[in-house]
C-alpha atoms as a PDB file:
ATOM      1  CA  MET A   1       8.350 -30.031  -7.485  1.00  0.00           C
ATOM      2  CA  SER A   2       7.007 -29.262 -11.232  1.00  0.00           C
ATOM      3  CA  SER A   3       6.860 -25.661 -12.575  1.00  0.00           C
ATOM      4  CA  SER A   4       3.100 -25.769 -12.429  1.00  0.00           C
ATOM      5  CA  ASN A   5       3.161 -26.798  -8.697  1.00  0.00           C
ATOM      6  CA  PHE A   6       5.605 -23.842  -7.892  1.00  0.00           C
ATOM      7  CA  ALA A   7       3.105 -21.438  -9.707  1.00  0.00           C
ATOM      8  CA  ARG A   8       0.339 -22.694  -7.286  1.00  0.00           C
ATOM      9  CA  VAL A   9       2.175 -22.499  -4.538  1.00  0.00           C
ATOM     10  CA  ASP A  10       3.408 -19.083  -5.326  1.00  0.00           C
ATOM     11  CA  ALA A  11      -0.132 -17.860  -5.867  1.00  0.00           C
ATOM     12  CA  SER A  12      -1.131 -19.359  -2.302  1.00  0.00           C
ATOM     13  CA  VAL A  13       1.613 -17.511  -0.875  1.00  0.00           C
ATOM     14  CA  ARG A  14       0.456 -14.153  -2.407  1.00  0.00           C
ATOM     15  CA  LEU A  15      -3.071 -14.617  -1.510  1.00  0.00           C
ATOM     16  CA  LEU A  16      -2.083 -15.226   2.174  1.00  0.00           C
ATOM     17  CA  MET A  17       0.070 -12.230   2.034  1.00  0.00           C
ATOM     18  CA  ALA A  18      -2.688 -10.300   0.667  1.00  0.00           C
ATOM     19  CA  SER A  19      -5.140 -11.703   3.104  1.00  0.00           C
ATOM     20  CA  GLU A  20      -2.789 -10.269   6.133  1.00  0.00           C
ATOM     21  CA  ILE A  21      -2.692  -6.547   4.481  1.00  0.00           C
ATOM     22  CA  ASP A  22      -4.917  -4.449   6.786  1.00  0.00           C
ATOM     23  CA  PRO A  23      -6.224  -1.734   4.120  1.00  0.00           C
ATOM     24  CA  SER A  24      -7.165   0.764   6.938  1.00  0.00           C
ATOM     25  CA  LYS A  25      -3.364   0.751   8.067  1.00  0.00           C
ATOM     26  CA  CYS A  26      -0.534   2.564   6.244  1.00  0.00           C
ATOM     27  CA  PRO A  27       1.766   0.009   4.814  1.00  0.00           C
ATOM     28  CA  THR A  28       4.933   1.717   5.553  1.00  0.00           C
ATOM     29  CA  CYS A  29       4.251   2.936   9.128  1.00  0.00           C
ATOM     30  CA  GLY A  30       1.315   0.833  10.417  1.00  0.00           C
ATOM     31  CA  GLU A  31      -0.301   3.777  11.496  1.00  0.00           C
ATOM     32  CA  PRO A  32      -4.266   4.166  10.410  1.00  0.00           C
ATOM     33  CA  ASN A  33      -4.015   5.651   6.936  1.00  0.00           C
ATOM     34  CA  ALA A  34      -7.794   7.412   6.953  1.00  0.00           C
ATOM     35  CA  CYS A  35      -8.752   5.413   3.907  1.00  0.00           C
ATOM     36  CA  GLY A  36     -11.978   6.429   2.732  1.00  0.00           C
ATOM     37  CA  LEU A  37     -12.553   3.141   0.876  1.00  0.00           C
ATOM     38  CA  SER A  38     -11.675   0.857   3.803  1.00  0.00           C
ATOM     39  CA  GLN A  39     -14.295   2.718   5.556  1.00  0.00           C
ATOM     40  CA  GLY A  40     -16.914   1.996   3.043  1.00  0.00           C
ATOM     41  CA  LYS A  41     -16.868   5.238   1.426  1.00  0.00           C
ATOM     42  CA  THR A  42     -16.659   5.976  -2.202  1.00  0.00           C
ATOM     43  CA  GLU A  43     -13.820   8.473  -2.057  1.00  0.00           C
ATOM     44  CA  CYS A  44     -10.461   8.681  -0.338  1.00  0.00           C
ATOM     45  CA  TRP A  45      -8.146  11.570   0.621  1.00  0.00           C
ATOM     46  CA  CYS A  46      -5.498  10.309  -1.701  1.00  0.00           C
ATOM     47  CA  PHE A  47      -7.730  10.470  -4.745  1.00  0.00           C
ATOM     48  CA  GLY A  48      -6.989  14.431  -4.831  1.00  0.00           C
ATOM     49  CA  ALA A  49      -3.634  14.035  -3.499  1.00  0.00           C
ATOM     50  CA  LEU A  50      -0.200  14.293  -5.660  1.00  0.00           C
ATOM     51  CA  ILE A  51       1.775  11.321  -3.963  1.00  0.00           C
ATOM     52  CA  SER A  52       5.395  11.195  -4.924  1.00  0.00           C
ATOM     53  CA  SER A  53       6.932   8.072  -6.800  1.00  0.00           C
ATOM     54  CA  ALA A  54       9.358   8.074  -3.914  1.00  0.00           C
ATOM     55  CA  ALA A  55       6.146   7.578  -1.431  1.00  0.00           C
ATOM     56  CA  LEU A  56       5.070   4.565  -3.629  1.00  0.00           C
ATOM     57  CA  GLU A  57       8.151   2.938  -4.182  1.00  0.00           C
ATOM     58  CA  ARG A  58       8.124   2.624  -0.114  1.00  0.00           C
ATOM     59  CA  VAL A  59       4.835   0.543  -0.134  1.00  0.00           C
ATOM     60  CA  PRO A  60       5.917  -3.202   0.038  1.00  0.00           C
ATOM     61  CA  SER A  61       4.910  -4.984  -3.208  1.00  0.00           C
ATOM     62  CA  GLN A  62       2.438  -7.399  -1.420  1.00  0.00           C
ATOM     63  CA  ALA A  63       0.447  -4.131  -0.154  1.00  0.00           C
ATOM     64  CA  LYS A  64       0.227  -2.440  -3.447  1.00  0.00           C
ATOM     65  CA  ASN A  65      -3.449  -1.912  -4.525  1.00  0.00           C
ATOM     66  CA  LEU A  66      -4.642  -3.193  -1.204  1.00  0.00           C
ATOM     67  CA  ALA A  67      -4.021  -0.426   1.356  1.00  0.00           C
ATOM     68  CA  CYS A  68      -3.180   3.447   1.196  1.00  0.00           C
ATOM     69  CA  ILE A  69      -0.261   5.212   2.575  1.00  0.00           C
ATOM     70  CA  CYS A  70      -1.145   7.822   5.282  1.00  0.00           C
ATOM     71  CA  ALA A  71      -1.007  11.379   4.697  1.00  0.00           C
ATOM     72  CA  ARG A  72       1.953  11.804   7.092  1.00  0.00           C
ATOM     73  CA  CYS A  73       3.949   9.043   5.119  1.00  0.00           C
ATOM     74  CA  ALA A  74       3.144  10.768   1.938  1.00  0.00           C
ATOM     75  CA  ALA A  75       4.145  14.249   2.964  1.00  0.00           C
ATOM     76  CA  ALA A  76       7.402  12.818   4.446  1.00  0.00           C
ATOM     77  CA  ALA A  77       8.228  11.349   1.112  1.00  0.00           C
ATOM     78  CA  ALA A  78       7.585  14.524  -0.524  1.00  0.00           C
ATOM     79  CA  ALA A  79       9.571  16.678   1.829  1.00  0.00           C
ATOM     80  CA  GLU A  80      12.628  14.590   1.374  1.00  0.00           C
ATOM     81  CA  THR A  81      12.644  14.458  -2.465  1.00  0.00           C
ATOM     82  CA  LYS A  82      11.990  18.522  -2.580  1.00  0.00           C
ATOM     83  CA  PRO A  83      14.975  20.238  -4.097  1.00  0.00           C
ATOM     84  CA  SER A  84      16.729  22.300  -1.561  1.00  0.00           C
END
């Protein structure tokens, strides 16, 4: 298979994976994420939230920019990274 064929297959796989992402579910725990955008609103709770880099690192690459993490996962990651 030529490299251009691999690129087309890779793009198809990424598209398939993206289509399996539910924007209303947290990609780290699978619970509802209360995403305003997935509910047809123009705002989301996360727009005003400080979300740690640790929380963002937990989001699977195929879900990045497709689904919000939930407030619980964001808070849990922040609590884990706070200095004691």
